[in-house]
C-alpha atoms as a PDB file:
ATOM      1  CA  MET A   1       3.960  13.394   3.059  1.00  0.00           C
ATOM      2  CA  ILE A   2       2.222   9.870   3.395  1.00  0.00           C
ATOM      3  CA  GLY A   3      -0.590  11.045   6.023  1.00  0.00           C
ATOM      4  CA  ASN A   4      -3.805  13.186   4.786  1.00  0.00           C
ATOM      5  CA  ARG A   5      -6.179  13.854   7.664  1.00  0.00           C
ATOM      6  CA  ALA A   6      -8.800  15.458   5.202  1.00  0.00           C
ATOM      7  CA  GLY A   7      -8.505  11.618   3.514  1.00  0.00           C
ATOM      8  CA  PHE A   8      -9.765  10.081   0.470  1.00  0.00           C
ATOM      9  CA  VAL A   9     -12.373   8.174   2.695  1.00  0.00           C
ATOM     10  CA  ALA A  10     -13.260  11.203   5.235  1.00  0.00           C
ATOM     11  CA  LEU A  11     -14.187  13.322   2.420  1.00  0.00           C
ATOM     12  CA  LEU A  12     -16.012  11.363  -0.111  1.00  0.00           C
ATOM     13  CA  LEU A  13     -18.073   9.496   2.578  1.00  0.00           C
ATOM     14  CA  GLY A  14     -18.442  12.932   5.422  1.00  0.00           C
ATOM     15  CA  ALA A  15     -16.974   9.193   7.658  1.00  0.00           C
ATOM     16  CA  SER A  16     -15.254  10.100  10.966  1.00  0.00           C
ATOM     17  CA  VAL A  17     -12.105   8.148  10.092  1.00  0.00           C
ATOM     18  CA  VAL A  18     -10.249  11.322  10.650  1.00  0.00           C
ATOM     19  CA  ALA A  19     -10.627  10.838  14.282  1.00  0.00           C
ATOM     20  CA  ARG A  20      -8.998   7.548  14.820  1.00  0.00           C
ATOM     21  CA  GLY A  21      -5.743   8.561  13.330  1.00  0.00           C
ATOM     22  CA  GLU A  22      -4.758   9.907   9.714  1.00  0.00           C
ATOM     23  CA  GLU A  23      -5.893   7.942   6.591  1.00  0.00           C
ATOM     24  CA  LEU A  24      -2.880   6.244   4.606  1.00  0.00           C
ATOM     25  CA  ASN A  25      -3.723   5.684   0.818  1.00  0.00           C
ATOM     26  CA  PHE A  26      -2.631   2.654  -0.727  1.00  0.00           C
ATOM     27  CA  PHE A  27      -5.100   3.060  -3.243  1.00  0.00           C
ATOM     28  CA  ALA A  28      -7.851   5.311  -5.812  1.00  0.00           C
ATOM     29  CA  ALA A  29      -9.706   4.243  -8.463  1.00  0.00           C
ATOM     30  CA  SER A  30      -9.628   7.265  -9.681  1.00  0.00           C
ATOM     31  CA  ARG A  31      -6.162   7.500  -9.859  1.00  0.00           C
ATOM     32  CA  ALA A  32      -5.726   4.555 -11.652  1.00  0.00           C
ATOM     33  CA  SER A  33      -5.190   3.738 -14.820  1.00  0.00           C
ATOM     34  CA  GLU A  34      -6.486   1.000 -17.167  1.00  0.00           C
ATOM     35  CA  ALA A  35      -3.213  -1.087 -17.174  1.00  0.00           C
ATOM     36  CA  ASP A  36      -4.333  -0.775 -13.073  1.00  0.00           C
ATOM     37  CA  TRP A  37      -7.537  -3.303 -13.562  1.00  0.00           C
ATOM     38  CA  ARG A  38      -7.435  -6.752 -14.261  1.00  0.00           C
ATOM     39  CA  LYS A  39     -11.215  -7.631 -16.704  1.00  0.00           C
ATOM     40  CA  ASP A  40     -12.706 -10.997 -17.013  1.00  0.00           C
ATOM     41  CA  GLY A  41     -16.141 -11.043 -18.753  1.00  0.00           C
ATOM     42  CA  ALA A  42     -16.277  -7.406 -17.839  1.00  0.00           C
ATOM     43  CA  VAL A  43     -15.151  -4.358 -20.315  1.00  0.00           C
ATOM     44  CA  MET A  44     -14.820  -0.740 -18.444  1.00  0.00           C
ATOM     45  CA  MET A  45     -13.902   2.691 -19.626  1.00  0.00           C
ATOM     46  CA  ARG A  46     -13.798   5.635 -18.481  1.00  0.00           C
ATOM     47  CA  ALA A  47     -16.465   7.832 -17.745  1.00  0.00           C
ATOM     48  CA  PRO A  48     -17.256  11.437 -19.207  1.00  0.00           C
ATOM     49  CA  GLU A  49     -18.238  12.532 -15.240  1.00  0.00           C
ATOM     50  CA  GLY A  50     -14.882  10.645 -13.561  1.00  0.00           C
ATOM     51  CA  GLY A  51     -14.811   7.525 -12.674  1.00  0.00           C
ATOM     52  CA  TRP A  52     -15.304   4.306 -14.791  1.00  0.00           C
ATOM     53  CA  LEU A  53     -17.671   2.710 -16.418  1.00  0.00           C
ATOM     54  CA  ILE A  54     -18.533  -1.356 -16.020  1.00  0.00           C
ATOM     55  CA  SER A  55     -20.649  -3.185 -18.210  1.00  0.00           C
ATOM     56  CA  ALA A  56     -20.621  -7.044 -17.672  1.00  0.00           C
ATOM     57  CA  THR A  57     -24.337  -8.310 -19.100  1.00  0.00           C
ATOM     58  CA  ASN A  58     -23.587 -11.526 -18.306  1.00  0.00           C
ATOM     59  CA  GLY A  59     -21.434 -11.010 -14.719  1.00  0.00           C
ATOM     60  CA  GLY A  60     -18.277 -10.384 -14.968  1.00  0.00           C
ATOM     61  CA  TRP A  61     -15.223  -9.435 -12.854  1.00  0.00           C
ATOM     62  CA  ALA A  62     -12.574  -6.114 -13.135  1.00  0.00           C
ATOM     63  CA  GLU A  63     -10.083  -6.468  -9.897  1.00  0.00           C
ATOM     64  CA  VAL A  64      -6.881  -3.915  -9.086  1.00  0.00           C
ATOM     65  CA  SER A  65      -4.329  -5.923 -10.391  1.00  0.00           C
ATOM     66  CA  ARG A  66      -1.848  -5.788  -7.878  1.00  0.00           C
ATOM     67  CA  SER A  67      -2.503  -7.151  -4.170  1.00  0.00           C
ATOM     68  CA  PHE A  68      -1.805  -4.358  -1.257  1.00  0.00           C
ATOM     69  CA  PRO A  69      -0.324  -4.685   2.640  1.00  0.00           C
ATOM     70  CA  TYR A  70      -3.531  -5.690   4.560  1.00  0.00           C
ATOM     71  CA  PHE A  71      -3.950  -4.045   7.960  1.00  0.00           C
ATOM     72  CA  PRO A  72      -6.935  -4.817   9.850  1.00  0.00           C
ATOM     73  CA  GLU A  73      -7.363  -1.739  10.916  1.00  0.00           C
ATOM     74  CA  GLY A  74      -7.757  -0.644   7.378  1.00  0.00           C
ATOM     75  CA  VAL A  75     -10.675   0.196   5.561  1.00  0.00           C
ATOM     76  CA  VAL A  76     -12.123   0.364   1.677  1.00  0.00           C
ATOM     77  CA  ALA A  77     -14.725   2.963   0.903  1.00  0.00           C
ATOM     78  CA  LEU A  78     -16.640   1.578  -2.154  1.00  0.00           C
ATOM     79  CA  LEU A  79     -18.868   4.747  -4.116  1.00  0.00           C
ATOM     80  CA  VAL A  80     -21.472   3.514  -6.964  1.00  0.00           C
ATOM     81  CA  GLY A  81     -22.966   6.288  -8.744  1.00  0.00           C
ATOM     82  CA  ASP A  82     -24.802   4.265 -10.919  1.00  0.00           C
ATOM     83  CA  ALA A  83     -25.716   0.677 -10.697  1.00  0.00           C
ATOM     84  CA  GLY A  84     -27.065   0.180 -14.740  1.00  0.00           C
ATOM     85  CA  GLY A  85     -29.447  -1.678 -14.228  1.00  0.00           C
ATOM     86  CA  GLY A  86     -28.081  -4.697 -13.029  1.00  0.00           C
ATOM     87  CA  GLU A  87     -26.317  -6.078  -9.765  1.00  0.00           C
ATOM     88  CA  TYR A  88     -22.647  -5.847  -8.355  1.00  0.00           C
ATOM     89  CA  ALA A  89     -20.354  -6.876  -5.216  1.00  0.00           C
ATOM     90  CA  LEU A  90     -17.030  -6.185  -3.645  1.00  0.00           C
ATOM     91  CA  GLU A  91     -14.867  -9.262  -2.741  1.00  0.00           C
ATOM     92  CA  LEU A  92     -12.045  -9.087  -0.627  1.00  0.00           C
ATOM     93  CA  ARG A  93      -9.082 -11.454  -1.320  1.00  0.00           C
ATOM     94  CA  GLY A  94      -6.961 -12.219   1.510  1.00  0.00           C
ATOM     95  CA  MET A  95      -4.194 -14.259   1.811  1.00  0.00           C
ATOM     96  CA  ASP A  96      -1.565 -15.765   4.137  1.00  0.00           C
ATOM     97  CA  GLU A  97       1.804 -16.520   4.485  1.00  0.00           C
ATOM     98  CA  ALA A  98       1.361 -20.342   3.078  1.00  0.00           C
ATOM     99  CA  GLY A  99      -0.617 -18.399  -0.221  1.00  0.00           C
ATOM    100  CA  VAL A 100      -4.268 -20.068   1.127  1.00  0.00           C
ATOM    101  CA  VAL A 101      -6.473 -17.885   0.088  1.00  0.00           C
ATOM    102  CA  THR A 102      -9.917 -16.436   1.578  1.00  0.00           C
ATOM    103  CA  ALA A 103     -11.984 -14.607   0.034  1.00  0.00           C
ATOM    104  CA  VAL A 104     -15.541 -12.142   1.503  1.00  0.00           C
ATOM    105  CA  ARG A 105     -18.184 -10.547   0.447  1.00  0.00           C
ATOM    106  CA  PRO A 106     -18.264  -7.013   2.878  1.00  0.00           C
ATOM    107  CA  ILE A 107     -21.056  -6.050  -0.622  1.00  0.00           C
ATOM    108  CA  GLU A 108     -23.183  -8.461  -2.391  1.00  0.00           C
ATOM    109  CA  HIS A 109     -26.586  -8.728  -4.131  1.00  0.00           C
ATOM    110  CA  GLU A 110     -26.334  -4.368  -4.451  1.00  0.00           C
ATOM    111  CA  GLN A 111     -29.017  -3.094  -6.597  1.00  0.00           C
ATOM    112  CA  THR A 112     -28.851   0.670  -6.300  1.00  0.00           C
ATOM    113  CA  ALA A 113     -26.148   3.431  -6.055  1.00  0.00           C
ATOM    114  CA  ALA A 114     -23.948   3.334  -2.801  1.00  0.00           C
ATOM    115  CA  ARG A 115     -21.695   4.430  -1.064  1.00  0.00           C
ATOM    116  CA  LYS A 116     -20.013   1.761   1.647  1.00  0.00           C
ATOM    117  CA  LEU A 117     -17.620   1.748   4.194  1.00  0.00           C
ATOM    118  CA  VAL A 118     -15.752  -1.957   4.890  1.00  0.00           C
ATOM    119  CA  TRP A 119     -13.665  -2.261   7.982  1.00  0.00           C
ATOM    120  CA  LEU A 120     -11.409  -5.326   6.958  1.00  0.00           C
ATOM    121  CA  LYS A 121     -11.649  -6.034  11.011  1.00  0.00           C
ATOM    122  CA  ASP A 122     -15.124  -6.934  10.915  1.00  0.00           C
ATOM    123  CA  CYS A 123     -14.547  -8.241   7.334  1.00  0.00           C
ATOM    124  CA  GLY A 124     -14.295 -11.717   8.449  1.00  0.00           C
ATOM    125  CA  LEU A 125     -10.577 -11.560   6.351  1.00  0.00           C
ATOM    126  CA  ALA A 126      -8.127 -13.503   9.251  1.00  0.00           C
ATOM    127  CA  GLU A 127      -5.665 -12.086  11.408  1.00  0.00           C
ATOM    128  CA  ALA A 128      -3.445 -14.357   9.925  1.00  0.00           C
ATOM    129  CA  THR A 129      -3.955 -13.067   6.318  1.00  0.00           C
ATOM    130  CA  ARG A 130      -0.343 -10.412   4.760  1.00  0.00           C
ATOM    131  CA  SER A 131      -2.002  -9.619   1.572  1.00  0.00           C
ATOM    132  CA  MET A 132      -5.031  -8.874   0.193  1.00  0.00           C
ATOM    133  CA  GLN A 133      -6.873  -7.863  -3.342  1.00  0.00           C
ATOM    134  CA  LEU A 134     -10.141  -5.487  -4.332  1.00  0.00           C
ATOM    135  CA  SER A 135     -12.110  -7.177  -6.938  1.00  0.00           C
ATOM    136  CA  LEU A 136     -15.593  -5.925  -8.006  1.00  0.00           C
ATOM    137  CA  TRP A 137     -18.188  -8.296  -9.333  1.00  0.00           C
ATOM    138  CA  VAL A 138     -20.727  -6.704 -12.046  1.00  0.00           C
ATOM    139  CA  ARG A 139     -24.009  -7.903 -13.882  1.00  0.00           C
ATOM    140  CA  ALA A 140     -25.045  -4.399 -15.458  1.00  0.00           C
ATOM    141  CA  SER A 141     -25.360  -3.143 -18.413  1.00  0.00           C
ATOM    142  CA  GLY A 142     -22.941   1.036 -17.548  1.00  0.00           C
ATOM    143  CA  LEU A 143     -22.142   0.166 -13.537  1.00  0.00           C
ATOM    144  CA  ARG A 144     -21.112   3.881 -12.746  1.00  0.00           C
ATOM    145  CA  LEU A 145     -17.866   3.140 -10.014  1.00  0.00           C
ATOM    146  CA  THR A 146     -17.244   6.686  -9.034  1.00  0.00           C
ATOM    147  CA  GLU A 147     -14.589   5.185  -6.534  1.00  0.00           C
ATOM    148  CA  LEU A 148     -12.279   2.372  -4.782  1.00  0.00           C
ATOM    149  CA  ILE A 149     -10.201   3.608  -1.931  1.00  0.00           C
ATOM    150  CA  TYR A 150      -8.266   1.445   0.116  1.00  0.00           C
ATOM    151  CA  SER A 151      -7.186   3.334   2.867  1.00  0.00           C
ATOM    152  CA  THR A 152      -5.262   2.210   6.303  1.00  0.00           C
ATOM    153  CA  ILE A 153      -5.941   4.168   9.777  1.00  0.00           C
ATOM    154  CA  ALA A 154      -2.319   5.813  11.068  1.00  0.00           C
ATOM    155  CA  ASP A 155      -1.598   7.723  14.123  1.00  0.00           C
ATOM    156  CA  LEU A 156       1.437   9.839  12.979  1.00  0.00           C
ATOM    157  CA  ASP A 157       1.432  11.910  16.588  1.00  0.00           C
ATOM    158  CA  ASP A 158       4.233  10.147  17.907  1.00  0.00           C
ATOM    159  CA  PRO A 159       6.495   7.529  14.653  1.00  0.00           C
ATOM    160  CA  LEU A 160       9.553   5.653  15.501  1.00  0.00           C
ATOM    161  CA  LEU A 161      10.984   7.051  12.166  1.00  0.00           C
ATOM    162  CA  MET A 162       9.471   9.869   9.622  1.00  0.00           C
ATOM    163  CA  GLU A 163      12.202  11.120   6.843  1.00  0.00           C
ATOM    164  CA  ASN A 164      10.624  13.171   4.568  1.00  0.00           C
ATOM    165  CA  PHE A 165      14.495  12.473   1.714  1.00  0.00           C
ATOM    166  CA  ASP A 166      14.761  16.189   2.263  1.00  0.00           C
ATOM    167  CA  GLY A 167      18.332  16.165   3.574  1.00  0.00           C
ATOM    168  CA  ALA A 168      17.471  16.485   6.942  1.00  0.00           C
ATOM    169  CA  GLY A 169      18.953  12.927   7.383  1.00  0.00           C
ATOM    170  CA  ARG A 170      21.917  11.341   7.313  1.00  0.00           C
ATOM    171  CA  TRP A 171      21.878   9.351   5.081  1.00  0.00           C
ATOM    172  CA  LEU A 172      25.105   6.667   3.972  1.00  0.00           C
ATOM    173  CA  ALA A 173      25.286   5.144   0.060  1.00  0.00           C
ATOM    174  CA  ASP A 174      27.502   3.336  -1.574  1.00  0.00           C
ATOM    175  CA  GLU A 175      29.598   3.952  -4.453  1.00  0.00           C
ATOM    176  CA  SER A 176      26.674   2.073  -6.802  1.00  0.00           C
ATOM    177  CA  VAL A 177      24.227   4.652  -6.458  1.00  0.00           C
ATOM    178  CA  LYS A 178      23.294   8.149  -5.728  1.00  0.00           C
ATOM    179  CA  LEU A 179      21.220  10.108  -3.099  1.00  0.00           C
ATOM    180  CA  GLU A 180      20.369  13.446  -4.249  1.00  0.00           C
ATOM    181  CA  GLY A 181      17.410  15.474  -2.550  1.00  0.00           C
ATOM    182  CA  ARG A 182      14.049  12.695  -3.211  1.00  0.00           C
ATOM    183  CA  ARG A 183      15.876  11.032  -6.374  1.00  0.00           C
ATOM    184  CA  LEU A 184      17.376   7.760  -5.797  1.00  0.00           C
ATOM    185  CA  SER A 185      19.277   6.211  -8.934  1.00  0.00           C
ATOM    186  CA  LEU A 186      21.394   3.654  -9.748  1.00  0.00           C
ATOM    187  CA  VAL A 187      25.694   4.629 -11.258  1.00  0.00           C
ATOM    188  CA  SER A 188      26.247   3.078 -14.850  1.00  0.00           C
ATOM    189  CA  GLY A 189      27.028   0.127 -14.849  1.00  0.00           C
ATOM    190  CA  ARG A 190      26.733  -0.757 -11.132  1.00  0.00           C
ATOM    191  CA  PRO A 191      22.810  -3.306 -10.915  1.00  0.00           C
ATOM    192  CA  GLY A 192      22.142  -2.384  -7.389  1.00  0.00           C
ATOM    193  CA  GLY A 193      22.946   0.008  -4.342  1.00  0.00           C
ATOM    194  CA  VAL A 194      22.140   0.916  -0.965  1.00  0.00           C
ATOM    195  CA  VAL A 195      21.351   4.187   1.390  1.00  0.00           C
ATOM    196  CA  THR A 196      21.083   3.116   4.914  1.00  0.00           C
ATOM    197  CA  LEU A 197      20.088   6.029   7.208  1.00  0.00           C
ATOM    198  CA  ASP A 198      22.039   6.608   9.815  1.00  0.00           C
ATOM    199  CA  GLU A 199      20.130   7.138  12.540  1.00  0.00           C
ATOM    200  CA  ARG A 200      19.204   4.629  14.827  1.00  0.00           C
ATOM    201  CA  ARG A 201      15.880   3.511  16.484  1.00  0.00           C
ATOM    202  CA  GLU A 202      14.453   2.012  19.127  1.00  0.00           C
ATOM    203  CA  LEU A 203      13.145  -1.755  17.729  1.00  0.00           C
ATOM    204  CA  PRO A 204       8.880  -2.739  18.682  1.00  0.00           C
ATOM    205  CA  ARG A 205       7.433  -5.487  18.379  1.00  0.00           C
ATOM    206  CA  ALA A 206       3.974  -4.621  16.811  1.00  0.00           C
ATOM    207  CA  GLY A 207       4.561  -2.153  14.339  1.00  0.00           C
ATOM    208  CA  ARG A 208       4.152  -0.242  10.922  1.00  0.00           C
ATOM    209  CA  ILE A 209       6.166   0.037   8.307  1.00  0.00           C
ATOM    210  CA  PHE A 210       5.659   2.580   4.880  1.00  0.00           C
ATOM    211  CA  LEU A 211       7.536   3.523   2.259  1.00  0.00           C
ATOM    212  CA  ASP A 212       5.961   5.685  -0.111  1.00  0.00           C
ATOM    213  CA  VAL A 213       7.675   5.912  -3.911  1.00  0.00           C
ATOM    214  CA  ARG A 214       6.318   8.925  -6.535  1.00  0.00           C
ATOM    215  CA  GLU A 215       8.336   7.303  -9.291  1.00  0.00           C
ATOM    216  CA  LEU A 216      10.049   3.769  -9.543  1.00  0.00           C
ATOM    217  CA  GLU A 217      11.716   3.600 -13.049  1.00  0.00           C
ATOM    218  CA  SER A 218      13.645   0.140 -14.741  1.00  0.00           C
ATOM    219  CA  GLY A 219      13.835  -1.274 -11.136  1.00  0.00           C
ATOM    220  CA  GLU A 220      13.173  -2.613  -7.163  1.00  0.00           C
ATOM    221  CA  LEU A 221      12.969  -1.110  -4.597  1.00  0.00           C
ATOM    222  CA  THR A 222      13.888  -3.270  -1.051  1.00  0.00           C
ATOM    223  CA  PHE A 223      12.992  -1.798   2.211  1.00  0.00           C
ATOM    224  CA  ARG A 224      15.858  -3.875   4.945  1.00  0.00           C
ATOM    225  CA  LEU A 225      15.595  -3.100   8.363  1.00  0.00           C
ATOM    226  CA  LEU A 226      19.558  -3.464  10.116  1.00  0.00           C
ATOM    227  CA  LEU A 227      19.116  -4.334  13.704  1.00  0.00           C
ATOM    228  CA  SER A 228      21.285  -4.503  16.725  1.00  0.00           C
ATOM    229  CA  ASN A 229      21.216  -6.218  19.928  1.00  0.00           C
ATOM    230  CA  LYS A 230      21.155  -3.948  23.000  1.00  0.00           C
ATOM    231  CA  ASP A 231      25.256  -3.877  23.381  1.00  0.00           C
ATOM    232  CA  GLY A 232      24.915  -2.711  19.555  1.00  0.00           C
ATOM    233  CA  GLU A 233      26.366  -5.811  18.105  1.00  0.00           C
ATOM    234  CA  ALA A 234      24.593  -5.580  14.358  1.00  0.00           C
ATOM    235  CA  LEU A 235      22.325  -8.886  13.642  1.00  0.00           C
ATOM    236  CA  THR A 236      20.994 -10.702  10.679  1.00  0.00           C
ATOM    237  CA  PRO A 237      19.292  -8.383   8.806  1.00  0.00           C
ATOM    238  CA  VAL A 238      15.617  -8.243   8.075  1.00  0.00           C
ATOM    239  CA  GLU A 239      13.708  -7.722   4.636  1.00  0.00           C
ATOM    240  CA  ALA A 240      10.616  -5.837   5.347  1.00  0.00           C
ATOM    241  CA  LEU A 241       9.297  -4.877   2.285  1.00  0.00           C
ATOM    242  CA  ARG A 242      10.095  -5.224  -1.387  1.00  0.00           C
ATOM    243  CA  THR A 243       8.745  -3.324  -4.422  1.00  0.00           C
ATOM    244  CA  GLU A 244       8.459  -2.778  -8.390  1.00  0.00           C
ATOM    245  CA  ALA A 245       5.490  -0.199  -8.212  1.00  0.00           C
ATOM    246  CA  ALA A 246       5.409   3.158  -7.565  1.00  0.00           C
ATOM    247  CA  GLY A 247       2.906   3.922  -4.558  1.00  0.00           C
ATOM    248  CA  LEU A 248       2.464   3.078  -1.136  1.00  0.00           C
ATOM    249  CA  CYS A 249       3.815  -0.025   0.336  1.00  0.00           C
ATOM    250  CA  GLY A 250       3.895  -1.519   4.266  1.00  0.00           C
ATOM    251  CA  ALA A 251       4.048  -4.018   5.924  1.00  0.00           C
ATOM    252  CA  ARG A 252       3.751  -5.124   9.615  1.00  0.00           C
ATOM    253  CA  LEU A 253       6.389  -5.564  11.995  1.00  0.00           C
ATOM    254  CA  GLU A 254       4.850  -8.454  13.898  1.00  0.00           C
ATOM    255  CA  PHE A 255       5.247 -10.594  10.819  1.00  0.00           C
ATOM    256  CA  LEU A 256       8.887  -9.972  10.412  1.00  0.00           C
ATOM    257  CA  SER A 257      11.122 -12.439  11.418  1.00  0.00           C
ATOM    258  CA  LEU A 258      12.755 -10.756  13.506  1.00  0.00           C
ATOM    259  CA  PRO A 259      16.293 -11.825  16.194  1.00  0.00           C
ATOM    260  CA  GLU A 260      14.660 -12.561  20.331  1.00  0.00           C
ATOM    261  CA  ASP A 261      17.757  -9.901  20.948  1.00  0.00           C
ATOM    262  CA  ALA A 262      17.451  -7.313  18.602  1.00  0.00           C
ATOM    263  CA  ALA A 263      16.830  -3.301  20.210  1.00  0.00           C
ATOM    264  CA  THR A 264      17.392  -1.400  18.363  1.00  0.00           C
ATOM    265  CA  PHE A 265      16.890  -0.527  14.222  1.00  0.00           C
ATOM    266  CA  ARG A 266      18.466   1.701  10.766  1.00  0.00           C
ATOM    267  CA  ILE A 267      17.140   1.472   7.401  1.00  0.00           C
ATOM    268  CA  GLN A 268      17.687   1.123   4.436  1.00  0.00           C
ATOM    269  CA  ILE A 269      17.191   0.903   0.247  1.00  0.00           C
ATOM    270  CA  GLU A 270      18.546  -1.320  -1.734  1.00  0.00           C
ATOM    271  CA  LEU A 271      17.517  -0.006  -5.864  1.00  0.00           C
ATOM    272  CA  SER A 272      18.834  -2.723  -7.936  1.00  0.00           C
ATOM    273  CA  GLY A 273      17.766  -2.725 -12.053  1.00  0.00           C
ATOM    274  CA  ALA A 274      19.071  -1.632 -15.164  1.00  0.00           C
ATOM    275  CA  GLU A 275      20.841   0.589 -16.665  1.00  0.00           C
ATOM    276  CA  GLY A 276      19.281   3.964 -16.036  1.00  0.00           C
ATOM    277  CA  ALA A 277      16.682   2.495 -12.723  1.00  0.00           C
ATOM    278  CA  PHE A 278      15.715   5.377 -10.393  1.00  0.00           C
ATOM    279  CA  ALA A 279      13.452   6.161  -8.421  1.00  0.00           C
ATOM    280  CA  VAL A 280      11.848   9.168  -5.729  1.00  0.00           C
ATOM    281  CA  LEU A 281      10.958   8.209  -2.514  1.00  0.00           C
ATOM    282  CA  ARG A 282       8.233  10.337  -0.515  1.00  0.00           C
ATOM    283  CA  GLN A 283       8.443   8.769   2.403  1.00  0.00           C
ATOM    284  CA  ALA A 284       9.373   6.456   5.336  1.00  0.00           C
ATOM    285  CA  LEU A 285       8.060   5.603   8.217  1.00  0.00           C
ATOM    286  CA  VAL A 286       7.818   3.411  11.101  1.00  0.00           C
ATOM    287  CA  ILE A 287       5.018   4.076  13.959  1.00  0.00           C
ATOM    288  CA  ARG A 288       3.650   0.917  17.004  1.00  0.00           C
ATOM    289  CA  LYS A 289       1.069  -0.564  16.017  1.00  0.00           C
END
């Protein structure tokens, strides 16, 4: 399941975030591999007691290599077990539709171990921010990063759509893909194909879309909304998400180019890629804001 009432942020910081909804986790440093980081002037290694050791005696960056969707209701948790005799900062880099980057440092000049919680709505990034990157600036001989988490908090009590790929939904597959349980794979010799959930839902103008992917090998997933007007006439489909990596991805409905007369939607997932491409799908979710 995407939702987690006893989420990382709540467990690690003792925060009451679960009172506001369920915690959906985009990134957790404790689960990351070295390939998930990009370094500039910093050296990282696994700490024996868990987490990461970061050394940059002259100052350097340790950045999460992928970007994430920005949600104003999101939260970033930073746990530093030992500052390594130096100082550190957390920088968030937001990008809008035009590619303009805005950087803010909600945590900086910290010199001691700390547990910090940053609510994105309060950190200074613009409402028009579409995506965000997480970066740590470190000047220390051995800072111990216990955890760095990015989550959003969502109300899942009354979702517009919650599909668990457990066979209960009515999926229609074209001739180029096979959906067997949660595993979506390409038919040999086909470059791509789609599955469509044969269930229509009311389309809100503001909301959230999430797709949780357990595995994705040699391919790319595209999540579309198949739209219809109030008379049931099909409109131009709208691409909501695209990903080449496993994990949780998401989008804000208000940022999609939805036709004014769109009233209902179905979801469609396309898998494209090389021979042998497959994905293991965990959950698809559409909620009101």
